[in-house]
Amino acid sequence: MLARSVLVTPLLLALAGPSFAQTTPAAPATEPIAAPGKAPDACRLLPQADLEALFPSRPITAKGPTLSPIYRGPQYAESCMYSVKLPSSTSKLEFARFASITVIRWDGIAKGRETPAQAFASIKGTREKVAADPKITLKLEPLSGVGDEAFLETSSSSVVIRARKDDLIYAVSLDLYSEQTTPNALALARQAAARWQGGAGMVDTPQQVATNSAVTVPADTRPSSVAPVEQWPDACALLSPEEVKAAFPGMTISEPRKLMGKITHESRENRQEALPNPIGCQFDAKRTVEKDGKRTIELNQIQVSVRNVAANEDLSKRWFQSAIKVSEAKTPVAGLGDEAALDIMNRIHIRKGLTTVDVRVSGGERDQALHAEAKARVGELAKIVAGRLK
């Protein structure tokens, strides 16, 4: 039998009188045991222990009962709510989902107006009218095995089971989370029905709620923001050593140094995937010259980098704008891909379709003539690279 605590308000104690101090004789384990008092108690219809069984190892916070309006007569716990912390499917964060039960009607204070069955039929008819509105996403389905009659409501945000057991009408609500939501709501609604008996009120039941071994985290169905690895170009295939040599005559060109990379598919558990081709390719261009009777080495570094291959063109445009903003590429360059810009580091950013690359020639930063020469050369090389982008 599940252990649970019963919170009884002073007002309810006063109304119940000395019966609360009496001990009810134990009944056979297979039969309900009559509980003191006949008023419903929402937090006993849906105790925290049931949620702990359905959401194992998850933090659960009881929000406490809400009492029925005093004008109806003797007050009772009309509703009870809990928050359950659940993992996000798209990040490391956790967020709260809510579970609640509400007593819609109890014959103890509603007797004489209409029968419980008539009242339930009226509630169902009203909900069917709401579901018929094309502006509202709400699906109603008949439900068996919960009390005397019940139906299931599914919206874009929650699952609600409205049920009648004898003279009690109640609703169990769970915020949508995963495919476990509807079975969980059904298990809670059945337990609530088992804890109520017309004429006797709240009863204890030996029936235990079904237990989940784990909480199912919904799959992350978002499309990737990056293109598949096979669509990423080979940075070293965009510019050859011979083309670098032609742009730097009289200089020794090194073998290209390749930089490999990975792409990250962001989700709750980020997944990395190695790219088959290098995303960076660097050449050194050197020569020895005499200046003022001294031998010095002039060095230029030529870099081609594949910065991104987006999943769609909108993302590609956004990432390109972000890149040129960060690098202060304020000088547009015409005739290269779909758009291009030169930054203060003598680097040309190029976007063509889904692909963004940059080409940089460094060297001569302290020599105005050499820097001007490097600037001219980066434009020549960028044309070659842009011509090879698909």
Protein backbone atom coordinates (compact mmCIF):
# COMPACT_ATOMS: atom_id res chain seq x y z
CA MET A 1 0.00 0.00 0.00
CA LEU A 2 1.36 3.42 -0.90
CA ALA A 3 2.28 5.68 2.01
CA ARG A 4 0.70 9.13 1.86
CA SER A 5 0.08 12.11 4.15
CA VAL A 6 -3.40 13.59 4.57
CA LEU A 7 -3.72 17.33 5.08
CA VAL A 8 -7.01 18.24 6.79
CA THR A 9 -7.94 21.87 7.26
CA PRO A 10 -9.12 23.04 10.70
CA LEU A 11 -12.50 23.91 9.20
CA LEU A 12 -12.90 20.40 7.81
CA LEU A 13 -11.90 18.94 11.18
CA ALA A 14 -14.53 21.03 12.94
CA LEU A 15 -17.20 19.97 10.48
CA ALA A 16 -16.28 16.30 10.64
CA GLY A 17 -16.41 16.25 14.45
CA PRO A 18 -15.06 13.40 16.51
CA SER A 19 -15.26 10.92 13.68
CA PHE A 20 -11.70 11.95 12.71
CA ALA A 21 -10.37 10.60 15.97
CA GLN A 22 -11.93 7.19 15.47
CA THR A 23 -10.03 4.26 14.02
CA THR A 24 -11.70 2.43 11.15
CA PRO A 25 -11.46 -1.35 11.45
CA ALA A 26 -9.14 -2.89 8.88
CA ALA A 27 -10.85 -4.55 5.93
CA PRO A 28 -9.48 -7.32 3.72
CA ALA A 29 -6.67 -6.05 1.42
CA THR A 30 -8.81 -6.62 -1.65
CA GLU A 31 -11.65 -4.34 -0.46
CA PRO A 32 -11.64 -0.51 -0.24
CA ILE A 33 -11.20 0.85 3.27
CA ALA A 34 -13.60 3.66 4.10
CA ALA A 35 -11.77 6.90 4.94
CA PRO A 36 -13.02 9.48 7.45
CA GLY A 37 -15.40 12.04 5.98
CA LYS A 38 -17.32 11.96 2.74
CA ALA A 39 -15.95 15.08 1.00
CA PRO A 40 -13.45 14.59 -1.84
CA ASP A 41 -9.81 15.49 -1.30
CA ALA A 42 -8.05 16.29 -4.57
CA CYS A 43 -4.57 15.74 -3.13
CA ARG A 44 -5.58 12.25 -2.00
CA LEU A 45 -7.18 11.48 -5.35
CA LEU A 46 -3.84 12.43 -6.93
CA PRO A 47 -1.04 11.97 -4.37
CA GLN A 48 2.58 12.83 -5.08
CA ALA A 49 3.49 9.13 -4.72
CA ASP A 50 1.64 8.38 -7.98
CA LEU A 51 3.69 10.97 -9.84
CA GLU A 52 6.93 9.67 -8.31
CA ALA A 53 6.08 6.24 -9.73
CA LEU A 54 5.38 7.64 -13.20
CA PHE A 55 8.30 10.09 -13.25
CA PRO A 56 11.10 8.18 -11.48
CA SER A 57 14.06 10.23 -10.20
CA ARG A 58 12.52 13.51 -11.39
CA PRO A 59 12.11 16.46 -8.96
CA ILE A 60 8.42 16.91 -8.09
CA THR A 61 7.05 19.92 -6.21
CA ALA A 62 3.59 19.93 -4.64
CA LYS A 63 1.81 23.23 -5.23
CA GLY A 64 -0.73 22.37 -2.55
CA PRO A 65 -4.52 22.08 -2.59
CA THR A 66 -7.03 24.72 -3.61
CA LEU A 67 -10.15 24.79 -1.44
CA SER A 68 -13.63 24.92 -2.88
CA PRO A 69 -15.47 28.27 -2.66
CA ILE A 70 -16.94 28.83 0.81
CA TYR A 71 -20.32 29.91 -0.60
CA ARG A 72 -20.94 26.33 -1.78
CA GLY A 73 -20.94 25.04 1.76
CA PRO A 74 -18.36 23.00 3.68
CA GLN A 75 -14.98 23.46 2.04
CA TYR A 76 -12.86 20.64 0.68
CA ALA A 77 -9.69 20.31 -1.41
CA GLU A 78 -11.20 20.97 -4.83
CA SER A 79 -7.97 20.83 -6.85
CA CYS A 80 -4.35 19.83 -6.42
CA MET A 81 -1.35 20.66 -8.58
CA TYR A 82 2.25 19.48 -8.90
CA SER A 83 5.19 20.56 -11.03
CA VAL A 84 7.58 17.98 -12.45
CA LYS A 85 11.04 18.96 -13.70
CA LEU A 86 11.74 17.22 -17.00
CA PRO A 87 14.72 17.27 -19.38
CA SER A 88 14.56 19.39 -22.52
CA SER A 89 14.96 17.43 -25.75
CA THR A 90 16.97 20.23 -27.36
CA SER A 91 19.38 21.40 -24.62
CA LYS A 92 20.88 20.58 -21.23
CA LEU A 93 18.15 22.63 -19.56
CA GLU A 94 15.21 21.27 -17.58
CA PHE A 95 11.75 22.78 -17.45
CA ALA A 96 8.60 22.35 -15.40
CA ARG A 97 5.57 20.45 -16.60
CA PHE A 98 2.38 20.46 -14.56
CA ALA A 99 0.07 17.71 -13.35
CA SER A 100 -3.25 18.48 -11.69
CA ILE A 101 -6.63 17.15 -10.70
CA THR A 102 -9.81 19.20 -10.29
CA VAL A 103 -13.10 18.12 -8.75
CA ILE A 104 -15.67 19.53 -11.17
CA ARG A 105 -18.80 18.34 -9.34
CA TRP A 106 -19.59 16.45 -6.18
CA ASP A 107 -23.12 15.36 -5.33
CA GLY A 108 -22.57 16.17 -1.67
CA ILE A 109 -23.15 19.88 -2.45
CA ALA A 110 -24.74 19.68 -5.93
CA LYS A 111 -27.53 17.24 -5.16
CA GLY A 112 -31.03 18.10 -6.33
CA ARG A 113 -30.18 20.03 -9.48
CA GLU A 114 -29.38 17.23 -11.92
CA THR A 115 -28.02 13.71 -11.64
CA PRO A 116 -24.26 13.17 -11.90
CA ALA A 117 -24.77 11.35 -15.22
CA GLN A 118 -26.79 14.30 -16.60
CA ALA A 119 -24.15 16.75 -15.41
CA PHE A 120 -21.39 14.73 -17.06
CA ALA A 121 -23.34 14.55 -20.32
CA SER A 122 -23.74 18.33 -20.23
CA ILE A 123 -19.99 18.81 -19.68
CA LYS A 124 -19.19 16.46 -22.55
CA GLY A 125 -21.64 18.25 -24.87
CA THR A 126 -20.03 21.61 -24.07
CA ARG A 127 -16.54 20.26 -24.75
CA GLU A 128 -17.70 18.75 -28.05
CA LYS A 129 -18.92 22.19 -29.15
CA VAL A 130 -15.55 23.68 -28.26
CA ALA A 131 -13.72 20.93 -30.18
CA ALA A 132 -15.89 21.59 -33.24
CA ASP A 133 -14.48 25.10 -33.56
CA PRO A 134 -11.93 24.95 -36.45
CA LYS A 135 -9.90 27.71 -34.81
CA ILE A 136 -9.14 25.48 -31.83
CA THR A 137 -6.89 22.43 -31.89
CA LEU A 138 -8.72 20.03 -29.60
CA LYS A 139 -9.41 16.33 -30.11
CA LEU A 140 -12.00 14.40 -28.06
CA GLU A 141 -12.03 10.60 -27.78
CA PRO A 142 -14.23 8.21 -25.75
CA LEU A 143 -12.40 6.42 -22.95
CA SER A 144 -13.21 3.16 -21.17
CA GLY A 145 -11.87 1.74 -17.95
CA VAL A 146 -11.93 4.99 -15.97
CA GLY A 147 -14.77 5.25 -13.44
CA ASP A 148 -18.28 4.93 -14.83
CA GLU A 149 -17.66 7.07 -17.93
CA ALA A 150 -14.85 9.24 -19.27
CA PHE A 151 -13.45 10.95 -22.32
CA LEU A 152 -10.01 12.12 -23.37
CA GLU A 153 -9.10 15.62 -24.57
CA THR A 154 -5.85 16.24 -26.41
CA SER A 155 -4.71 19.75 -27.29
CA SER A 156 -1.41 21.19 -28.48
CA SER A 157 -0.30 21.69 -24.89
CA SER A 158 -1.95 19.12 -22.64
CA VAL A 159 -3.86 15.88 -22.16
CA VAL A 160 -7.01 16.05 -20.02
CA ILE A 161 -9.18 13.13 -18.89
CA ARG A 162 -12.67 14.06 -17.66
CA ALA A 163 -14.35 11.26 -15.74
CA ARG A 164 -17.33 10.41 -13.54
CA LYS A 165 -17.21 7.88 -10.72
CA ASP A 166 -20.57 7.52 -8.95
CA ASP A 167 -21.45 11.06 -7.75
CA LEU A 168 -17.98 12.56 -8.40
CA ILE A 169 -16.91 14.31 -11.63
CA TYR A 170 -13.22 15.22 -11.96
CA ALA A 171 -10.55 16.11 -14.50
CA VAL A 172 -6.92 14.96 -14.55
CA SER A 173 -4.58 17.15 -16.61
CA LEU A 174 -0.98 16.60 -17.71
CA ASP A 175 1.12 18.96 -19.79
CA LEU A 176 2.29 17.34 -23.03
CA TYR A 177 5.83 16.03 -22.95
CA SER A 178 6.38 12.69 -24.67
CA GLU A 179 4.52 9.59 -25.80
CA GLN A 180 4.22 8.71 -22.09
CA THR A 181 1.87 11.64 -21.41
CA THR A 182 -1.43 9.97 -22.38
CA PRO A 183 -0.68 6.61 -20.65
CA ASN A 184 0.41 8.55 -17.54
CA ALA A 185 -2.77 10.62 -17.50
CA LEU A 186 -4.84 7.46 -17.93
CA ALA A 187 -3.05 5.76 -15.01
CA LEU A 188 -3.64 8.78 -12.75
CA ALA A 189 -7.31 9.05 -13.71
CA ARG A 190 -7.88 5.34 -12.96
CA GLN A 191 -6.20 5.68 -9.57
CA ALA A 192 -8.41 8.66 -8.73
CA ALA A 193 -11.52 6.64 -9.62
CA ALA A 194 -10.37 3.77 -7.39
CA ARG A 195 -10.05 6.16 -4.43
CA TRP A 196 -13.68 7.30 -4.55
CA GLN A 197 -16.86 5.45 -3.65
CA GLY A 198 -20.29 7.00 -3.89
CA GLY A 199 -21.88 7.36 -0.48
CA ALA A 200 -18.66 6.48 1.34
CA GLY A 201 -16.45 9.23 -0.08
CA MET A 202 -12.68 8.85 -0.07
CA VAL A 203 -11.46 5.25 0.21
CA ASP A 204 -8.05 3.66 0.32
CA THR A 205 -7.29 1.17 -2.38
CA PRO A 206 -4.65 -1.54 -2.57
CA GLN A 207 -4.33 -0.90 -6.29
CA GLN A 208 -0.99 0.71 -7.12
CA VAL A 209 -0.34 2.98 -10.05
CA ALA A 210 1.70 1.52 -12.89
CA THR A 211 5.39 2.33 -12.53
CA ASN A 212 7.62 3.61 -15.33
CA SER A 213 11.23 2.42 -15.29
CA ALA A 214 12.41 5.71 -16.78
CA VAL A 215 11.18 9.00 -18.20
CA THR A 216 11.23 9.03 -21.98
CA VAL A 217 12.89 12.17 -23.35
CA PRO A 218 11.27 13.25 -26.64
CA ALA A 219 13.41 13.00 -29.74
CA ASP A 220 14.88 16.24 -31.08
CA THR A 221 13.15 16.51 -34.44
CA ARG A 222 14.65 19.85 -35.43
CA PRO A 223 16.46 19.79 -38.78
CA SER A 224 20.20 20.37 -38.62
CA SER A 225 21.37 23.91 -39.28
CA VAL A 226 24.40 22.70 -41.25
CA ALA A 227 24.64 20.77 -44.49
CA PRO A 228 25.67 17.09 -44.50
CA VAL A 229 29.43 16.48 -44.28
CA GLU A 230 29.63 15.30 -47.89
CA GLN A 231 28.53 18.74 -49.10
CA TRP A 232 31.46 20.53 -47.48
CA PRO A 233 34.17 21.43 -50.02
CA ASP A 234 37.85 20.53 -49.70
CA ALA A 235 39.64 23.77 -48.83
CA CYS A 236 42.84 22.56 -50.52
CA ALA A 237 40.92 21.80 -53.74
CA LEU A 238 39.84 25.44 -53.98
CA LEU A 239 43.39 26.69 -54.53
CA SER A 240 46.41 24.76 -55.83
CA PRO A 241 50.13 25.31 -55.07
CA GLU A 242 50.65 26.17 -58.76
CA GLU A 243 48.07 28.95 -58.59
CA VAL A 244 49.69 30.33 -55.45
CA LYS A 245 53.08 30.19 -57.18
CA ALA A 246 51.72 32.14 -60.15
CA ALA A 247 50.44 34.84 -57.80
CA PHE A 248 53.78 35.03 -55.96
CA PRO A 249 56.48 34.80 -58.67
CA GLY A 250 60.02 34.50 -57.41
CA MET A 251 58.92 33.13 -54.08
CA THR A 252 59.21 29.63 -52.66
CA ILE A 253 55.83 28.08 -51.99
CA SER A 254 55.50 25.48 -49.23
CA GLU A 255 53.38 22.35 -49.39
CA PRO A 256 49.87 23.11 -48.14
CA ARG A 257 49.17 22.53 -44.46
CA LYS A 258 45.74 21.00 -44.00
CA LEU A 259 43.38 21.69 -41.13
CA MET A 260 40.68 19.11 -40.46
CA GLY A 261 37.43 19.90 -38.67
CA LYS A 262 34.16 18.66 -37.25
CA ILE A 263 30.60 19.87 -37.35
CA THR A 264 28.36 19.83 -34.30
CA HIS A 265 24.71 18.85 -34.41
CA GLU A 266 23.26 20.70 -31.43
CA SER A 267 20.74 18.91 -29.24
CA ARG A 268 20.40 17.76 -25.64
CA GLU A 269 23.37 15.50 -26.35
CA ASN A 270 25.43 17.33 -28.95
CA ARG A 271 26.68 15.05 -31.70
CA GLN A 272 29.93 15.77 -33.51
CA GLU A 273 30.75 14.50 -36.96
CA ALA A 274 34.20 14.59 -38.53
CA LEU A 275 34.43 16.26 -41.94
CA PRO A 276 36.11 14.07 -44.57
CA ASN A 277 37.90 16.99 -46.23
CA PRO A 278 40.09 19.74 -44.79
CA ILE A 279 38.31 22.97 -43.86
CA GLY A 280 41.56 24.95 -43.89
CA CYS A 281 44.53 25.09 -46.24
CA GLN A 282 47.62 27.26 -45.64
CA PHE A 283 50.60 28.03 -47.85
CA ASP A 284 53.81 29.91 -47.00
CA ALA A 285 55.40 32.09 -49.69
CA LYS A 286 59.02 33.09 -48.87
CA ARG A 287 61.92 34.85 -50.43
CA THR A 288 65.20 36.36 -49.25
CA VAL A 289 65.90 39.99 -50.18
CA GLU A 290 68.62 42.52 -49.39
CA LYS A 291 67.58 45.76 -47.80
CA ASP A 292 70.05 48.36 -46.64
CA GLY A 293 72.85 45.81 -46.95
CA LYS A 294 71.03 43.26 -44.85
CA ARG A 295 69.49 39.99 -45.92
CA THR A 296 65.89 39.67 -44.77
CA ILE A 297 63.14 37.18 -45.37
CA GLU A 298 59.82 38.29 -46.77
CA LEU A 299 56.98 35.97 -45.78
CA ASN A 300 53.38 35.82 -46.90
CA GLN A 301 50.88 33.33 -45.60
CA ILE A 302 47.99 32.36 -47.82
CA GLN A 303 44.97 30.84 -46.08
CA VAL A 304 41.76 29.39 -47.49
CA SER A 305 39.14 28.52 -44.88
CA VAL A 306 35.70 26.95 -45.29
CA ARG A 307 33.72 28.73 -42.59
CA ASN A 308 30.31 27.18 -43.04
CA VAL A 309 27.98 25.25 -45.27
CA ALA A 310 24.45 25.99 -44.12
CA ALA A 311 21.40 23.76 -44.41
CA ASN A 312 19.49 26.48 -46.29
CA GLU A 313 20.14 29.81 -47.95
CA ASP A 314 18.47 31.93 -45.27
CA LEU A 315 20.85 30.56 -42.66
CA SER A 316 23.77 31.02 -45.04
CA LYS A 317 22.93 34.72 -45.50
CA ARG A 318 22.53 35.26 -41.76
CA TRP A 319 25.84 33.59 -40.93
CA PHE A 320 27.64 35.58 -43.60
CA GLN A 321 26.28 38.85 -42.25
CA SER A 322 27.32 37.83 -38.75
CA ALA A 323 30.85 36.95 -39.94
CA ILE A 324 31.46 40.23 -41.71
CA LYS A 325 30.08 42.19 -38.76
CA VAL A 326 32.41 40.46 -36.28
CA SER A 327 35.47 40.87 -38.53
CA GLU A 328 34.53 44.43 -39.55
CA ALA A 329 34.53 43.56 -43.24
CA LYS A 330 33.17 46.91 -44.36
CA THR A 331 34.48 46.96 -47.93
CA PRO A 332 32.18 45.16 -50.41
CA VAL A 333 33.95 43.24 -53.18
CA ALA A 334 32.05 42.86 -56.44
CA GLY A 335 32.14 39.85 -58.72
CA LEU A 336 32.82 37.19 -56.10
CA GLY A 337 30.05 34.64 -55.45
CA ASP A 338 26.71 36.02 -54.30
CA GLU A 339 28.31 38.51 -51.93
CA ALA A 340 31.78 39.29 -50.63
CA ALA A 341 33.56 41.80 -48.39
CA LEU A 342 37.12 42.69 -47.40
CA ASP A 343 38.08 43.14 -43.75
CA ILE A 344 40.93 45.00 -42.05
CA MET A 345 43.02 41.80 -41.86
CA ASN A 346 43.29 41.60 -45.66
CA ARG A 347 40.77 38.77 -45.70
CA ILE A 348 37.97 38.44 -48.23
CA HIS A 349 34.79 36.73 -47.05
CA ILE A 350 32.84 35.06 -49.85
CA ARG A 351 29.36 33.58 -49.81
CA LYS A 352 28.08 31.52 -52.70
CA GLY A 353 24.85 29.62 -52.21
CA LEU A 354 25.09 27.71 -48.95
CA THR A 355 28.86 28.00 -48.60
CA THR A 356 30.90 30.70 -46.87
CA VAL A 357 34.68 30.76 -47.24
CA ASP A 358 37.39 33.30 -46.67
CA VAL A 359 40.72 33.90 -48.36
CA ARG A 360 43.51 35.78 -46.59
CA VAL A 361 47.01 36.91 -47.53
CA SER A 362 49.06 38.11 -44.58
CA GLY A 363 52.46 39.81 -44.60
CA GLY A 364 53.84 43.28 -45.08
CA GLU A 365 51.73 44.78 -42.34
CA ARG A 366 54.60 47.13 -41.43
CA ASP A 367 55.56 47.87 -45.01
CA GLN A 368 53.01 49.87 -46.96
CA ALA A 369 54.25 48.72 -50.37
CA LEU A 370 54.27 45.06 -49.40
CA HIS A 371 50.87 45.38 -47.78
CA ALA A 372 49.43 46.91 -50.95
CA GLU A 373 50.94 44.03 -52.92
CA ALA A 374 49.37 41.47 -50.54
CA LYS A 375 46.03 43.21 -50.90
CA ALA A 376 46.18 42.94 -54.69
CA ARG A 377 47.16 39.28 -54.49
CA VAL A 378 44.32 38.33 -52.14
CA GLY A 379 41.87 39.65 -54.73
CA GLU A 380 43.44 37.47 -57.46
CA LEU A 381 43.32 34.35 -55.33
CA ALA A 382 39.77 35.05 -54.12
CA LYS A 383 38.56 35.05 -57.75
CA ILE A 384 40.01 31.57 -58.26
CA VAL A 385 38.42 30.26 -55.05
CA ALA A 386 35.02 31.84 -55.77
CA GLY A 387 35.02 30.29 -59.23
CA ARG A 388 35.26 26.80 -57.73
CA LEU A 389 32.42 27.20 -55.25
CA LYS A 390 29.19 25.45 -56.18
